[in-house]
Protein backbone atom coordinates (compact mmCIF):
# COMPACT_ATOMS: atom_id res chain seq x y z
CA MET A 1 -7.48 -26.17 -20.53
CA ASP A 2 -6.85 -28.04 -17.46
CA ALA A 3 -4.66 -26.98 -14.53
CA PHE A 4 -1.60 -28.92 -15.45
CA THR A 5 -1.69 -27.86 -19.23
CA ALA A 6 -2.10 -24.15 -17.81
CA GLY A 7 0.74 -24.96 -15.13
CA ILE A 8 3.33 -26.43 -17.54
CA LEU A 9 3.01 -23.69 -20.40
CA GLN A 10 2.87 -20.69 -17.67
CA ARG A 11 6.51 -22.67 -16.47
CA ILE A 12 7.94 -23.05 -20.21
CA ARG A 13 7.06 -18.98 -20.56
CA ASN A 14 8.87 -18.05 -17.03
CA THR A 15 11.80 -20.29 -17.91
CA GLU A 16 12.06 -18.79 -21.66
CA ALA A 17 11.95 -15.34 -19.97
CA GLU A 18 14.46 -16.34 -17.69
CA LEU A 19 16.74 -18.05 -20.14
CA ASP A 20 16.47 -14.55 -22.31
CA ARG A 21 17.49 -12.37 -19.29
CA ALA A 22 20.67 -14.72 -18.45
CA ARG A 23 21.65 -14.67 -22.07
CA ALA A 24 21.38 -10.45 -22.08
CA SER A 25 23.16 -10.23 -18.98
CA GLY A 26 26.28 -12.53 -20.55
CA ASP A 27 25.73 -15.12 -17.95
CA ASP A 28 26.66 -18.34 -19.80
CA PHE A 29 26.20 -20.83 -16.61
CA LEU A 30 22.77 -19.42 -15.66
CA ALA A 31 21.72 -19.39 -19.41
CA ASP A 32 22.71 -23.40 -19.42
CA VAL A 33 20.77 -24.03 -16.27
CA GLU A 34 17.71 -22.37 -17.41
CA GLN A 35 18.30 -23.95 -21.02
CA ALA A 36 18.34 -27.38 -19.56
CA GLN A 37 15.45 -26.66 -17.36
CA LEU A 38 13.33 -25.29 -20.47
CA GLU A 39 14.25 -28.69 -22.31
CA ASP A 40 12.95 -30.72 -19.25
CA LEU A 41 9.55 -28.98 -19.26
CA GLN A 42 9.27 -29.25 -23.00
CA ARG A 43 10.04 -33.05 -22.75
CA LEU A 44 7.46 -33.22 -19.82
CA ALA A 45 4.96 -31.18 -21.83
CA SER A 46 5.39 -33.46 -24.70
CA GLU A 47 5.12 -36.62 -22.60
CA HIS A 48 1.70 -35.34 -21.51
CA GLY A 49 0.38 -34.20 -24.89
CA VAL A 50 0.78 -30.54 -24.37
CA GLU A 51 1.59 -28.98 -27.68
CA VAL A 52 4.25 -26.24 -27.02
CA THR A 53 4.32 -23.25 -29.69
CA ALA A 54 6.43 -20.43 -27.99
CA ALA A 55 8.88 -18.34 -29.76
CA GLY A 56 12.41 -20.36 -29.24
CA THR A 57 11.22 -23.51 -28.95
């Protein structure tokens, strides 16, 4: 696994965790921000041929 792939997958995992925390705390604004960031990261991964197989994606 190259550095880009490892980095993007780690960023996706971190963002998923932050999204879960935002939802659990009831912070709708932060959840929206994290969801948008997650979608951007998933798009970026897809554009570079990185398969994302994480829960919730």
